[in-house]
């Protein structure tokens, strides 16, 4: 059951699964390198802090 919970929280990225102690840093790096670059270029967002605030707000609404 703990494995399922870890996978639901941290996802299925191999680096995260193999390095749980550094999972937060790895996920933040993944988000910065892929997600932020893609959204900022396709959505024409010039300030990364706005995107970060938007993603935080959306993540807090999951399940609502």
N, C-alpha and C. Protein backbone atom coordinates (compact mmCIF):
# COMPACT_ATOMS: atom_id res chain seq x y z
N UNK A 1 0.83 -1.20 0.00
CA UNK A 1 0.00 0.00 0.00
C UNK A 1 0.87 1.26 0.00
N UNK A 2 1.98 1.21 0.70
CA UNK A 2 2.86 2.37 0.74
C UNK A 2 3.44 2.67 -0.64
N UNK A 3 3.74 1.64 -1.43
CA UNK A 3 4.25 1.84 -2.78
C UNK A 3 3.21 2.57 -3.65
N UNK A 4 1.96 2.17 -3.53
CA UNK A 4 0.90 2.82 -4.30
C UNK A 4 0.79 4.29 -3.91
N UNK A 5 0.82 4.56 -2.63
CA UNK A 5 0.73 5.95 -2.16
C UNK A 5 1.91 6.78 -2.67
N UNK A 6 3.11 6.23 -2.63
CA UNK A 6 4.29 6.94 -3.12
C UNK A 6 4.16 7.22 -4.62
N UNK A 7 3.65 6.25 -5.37
CA UNK A 7 3.50 6.42 -6.81
C UNK A 7 2.42 7.48 -7.13
N UNK A 8 1.37 7.52 -6.33
CA UNK A 8 0.32 8.52 -6.55
C UNK A 8 0.82 9.92 -6.23
N UNK A 9 1.67 10.03 -5.23
CA UNK A 9 2.19 11.34 -4.84
C UNK A 9 3.29 11.80 -5.78
N UNK A 10 4.24 10.92 -6.07
CA UNK A 10 5.44 11.32 -6.81
C UNK A 10 5.43 10.93 -8.28
N UNK A 11 4.46 10.17 -8.72
CA UNK A 11 4.40 9.78 -10.12
C UNK A 11 5.26 8.57 -10.43
N UNK A 12 5.45 8.32 -11.70
CA UNK A 12 6.16 7.13 -12.14
C UNK A 12 7.50 7.44 -12.80
N UNK A 13 8.03 8.63 -12.59
CA UNK A 13 9.32 8.96 -13.17
C UNK A 13 10.39 8.07 -12.55
N UNK A 14 11.20 7.41 -13.36
CA UNK A 14 12.22 6.49 -12.83
C UNK A 14 13.19 7.16 -11.86
N UNK A 15 13.62 8.38 -12.15
CA UNK A 15 14.56 9.06 -11.24
C UNK A 15 13.94 9.29 -9.87
N UNK A 16 12.66 9.61 -9.85
CA UNK A 16 11.97 9.85 -8.58
C UNK A 16 11.82 8.55 -7.80
N UNK A 17 11.42 7.49 -8.48
CA UNK A 17 11.23 6.19 -7.82
C UNK A 17 12.55 5.68 -7.24
N UNK A 18 13.64 5.88 -7.96
CA UNK A 18 14.93 5.37 -7.52
C UNK A 18 15.61 6.27 -6.49
N UNK A 19 15.16 7.51 -6.34
CA UNK A 19 15.77 8.46 -5.40
C UNK A 19 14.68 9.18 -4.61
N UNK A 20 13.97 8.46 -3.78
CA UNK A 20 12.86 9.05 -3.02
C UNK A 20 13.33 10.20 -2.14
N UNK A 21 14.54 10.11 -1.59
CA UNK A 21 15.04 11.16 -0.71
C UNK A 21 15.17 12.49 -1.44
N UNK A 22 15.42 12.45 -2.73
CA UNK A 22 15.58 13.67 -3.52
C UNK A 22 14.38 13.92 -4.44
N UNK A 23 13.26 13.30 -4.16
CA UNK A 23 12.11 13.35 -5.06
C UNK A 23 11.58 14.76 -5.29
N UNK A 24 11.54 15.58 -4.27
CA UNK A 24 11.02 16.95 -4.43
C UNK A 24 11.89 17.75 -5.39
N UNK A 25 13.20 17.63 -5.24
CA UNK A 25 14.10 18.37 -6.11
C UNK A 25 14.02 17.87 -7.55
N UNK A 26 13.91 16.56 -7.72
CA UNK A 26 13.82 15.99 -9.07
C UNK A 26 12.54 16.43 -9.75
N UNK A 27 11.42 16.39 -9.02
CA UNK A 27 10.15 16.82 -9.61
C UNK A 27 10.16 18.30 -9.96
N UNK A 28 10.77 19.10 -9.11
CA UNK A 28 10.85 20.53 -9.40
C UNK A 28 11.69 20.78 -10.65
N UNK A 29 12.78 20.04 -10.79
CA UNK A 29 13.62 20.16 -11.98
C UNK A 29 12.86 19.73 -13.23
N UNK A 30 12.11 18.63 -13.13
CA UNK A 30 11.31 18.18 -14.27
C UNK A 30 10.27 19.22 -14.66
N UNK A 31 9.60 19.78 -13.67
CA UNK A 31 8.58 20.79 -13.94
C UNK A 31 9.20 22.01 -14.59
N UNK A 32 10.35 22.41 -14.09
CA UNK A 32 11.01 23.58 -14.66
C UNK A 32 11.48 23.32 -16.08
N UNK A 33 12.09 22.18 -16.28
CA UNK A 33 12.69 21.94 -17.59
C UNK A 33 11.67 21.66 -18.68
N UNK A 34 10.61 20.96 -18.38
CA UNK A 34 9.64 20.60 -19.41
C UNK A 34 8.37 21.44 -19.37
N UNK A 35 7.70 21.37 -18.26
CA UNK A 35 6.38 21.99 -18.16
C UNK A 35 6.45 23.50 -18.32
N UNK A 36 7.29 24.16 -17.56
CA UNK A 36 7.36 25.61 -17.62
C UNK A 36 7.79 26.10 -18.99
N UNK A 37 8.76 25.44 -19.59
CA UNK A 37 9.22 25.87 -20.90
C UNK A 37 8.13 25.69 -21.95
N UNK A 38 7.43 24.58 -21.90
CA UNK A 38 6.37 24.34 -22.87
C UNK A 38 5.23 25.33 -22.71
N UNK A 39 4.77 25.49 -21.49
CA UNK A 39 3.63 26.38 -21.26
C UNK A 39 4.01 27.83 -21.53
N UNK A 40 5.19 28.23 -21.12
CA UNK A 40 5.57 29.64 -21.32
C UNK A 40 5.73 29.97 -22.80
N UNK A 41 6.18 29.01 -23.61
CA UNK A 41 6.32 29.30 -25.04
C UNK A 41 4.99 29.20 -25.76
N UNK A 42 4.17 28.21 -25.42
CA UNK A 42 2.90 28.06 -26.11
C UNK A 42 1.83 29.01 -25.58
N UNK A 43 1.93 29.38 -24.31
CA UNK A 43 0.94 30.26 -23.72
C UNK A 43 1.35 31.72 -23.69
N UNK A 44 2.57 32.00 -24.19
CA UNK A 44 3.08 33.35 -24.24
C UNK A 44 3.12 34.01 -22.86
N UNK A 45 3.55 33.25 -21.85
CA UNK A 45 3.69 33.76 -20.48
C UNK A 45 5.14 34.19 -20.29
N UNK A 46 5.34 35.44 -19.91
CA UNK A 46 6.69 35.98 -19.81
C UNK A 46 7.26 35.94 -18.40
N UNK A 47 6.42 35.81 -17.40
CA UNK A 47 6.90 35.81 -16.01
C UNK A 47 6.70 34.42 -15.41
N UNK A 48 7.79 33.70 -15.14
CA UNK A 48 7.67 32.34 -14.62
C UNK A 48 6.97 32.26 -13.26
N UNK A 49 7.06 33.30 -12.46
CA UNK A 49 6.40 33.26 -11.15
C UNK A 49 4.88 33.23 -11.28
N UNK A 50 4.35 33.84 -12.33
CA UNK A 50 2.89 33.78 -12.57
C UNK A 50 2.48 32.34 -12.87
N UNK A 51 3.26 31.68 -13.69
CA UNK A 51 2.98 30.29 -14.03
C UNK A 51 3.07 29.40 -12.80
N UNK A 52 4.07 29.64 -11.97
CA UNK A 52 4.23 28.86 -10.74
C UNK A 52 3.03 29.06 -9.81
N UNK A 53 2.56 30.28 -9.67
CA UNK A 53 1.38 30.56 -8.85
C UNK A 53 0.14 29.89 -9.41
N UNK A 54 0.00 29.91 -10.73
CA UNK A 54 -1.14 29.26 -11.38
C UNK A 54 -1.12 27.75 -11.12
N UNK A 55 0.04 27.14 -11.29
CA UNK A 55 0.14 25.70 -11.06
C UNK A 55 -0.12 25.34 -9.60
N UNK A 56 0.33 26.16 -8.68
CA UNK A 56 0.07 25.93 -7.27
C UNK A 56 -1.43 26.01 -6.99
N UNK A 57 -2.10 27.00 -7.53
CA UNK A 57 -3.54 27.16 -7.34
C UNK A 57 -4.30 25.97 -7.92
N UNK A 58 -3.88 25.51 -9.11
CA UNK A 58 -4.54 24.37 -9.72
C UNK A 58 -4.31 23.09 -8.92
N UNK A 59 -3.12 22.91 -8.40
CA UNK A 59 -2.85 21.69 -7.63
C UNK A 59 -3.64 21.66 -6.33
N UNK A 60 -3.95 22.82 -5.77
CA UNK A 60 -4.73 22.86 -4.54
C UNK A 60 -6.22 22.58 -4.81
N UNK A 61 -6.64 22.68 -6.07
CA UNK A 61 -8.03 22.44 -6.42
C UNK A 61 -8.33 21.01 -6.85
N UNK A 62 -7.33 20.17 -6.90
CA UNK A 62 -7.53 18.78 -7.32
C UNK A 62 -8.49 18.09 -6.36
N UNK A 63 -9.50 17.48 -6.90
CA UNK A 63 -10.46 16.76 -6.09
C UNK A 63 -11.60 17.62 -5.58
N UNK A 64 -11.56 18.90 -5.84
CA UNK A 64 -12.63 19.79 -5.36
C UNK A 64 -13.80 19.76 -6.33
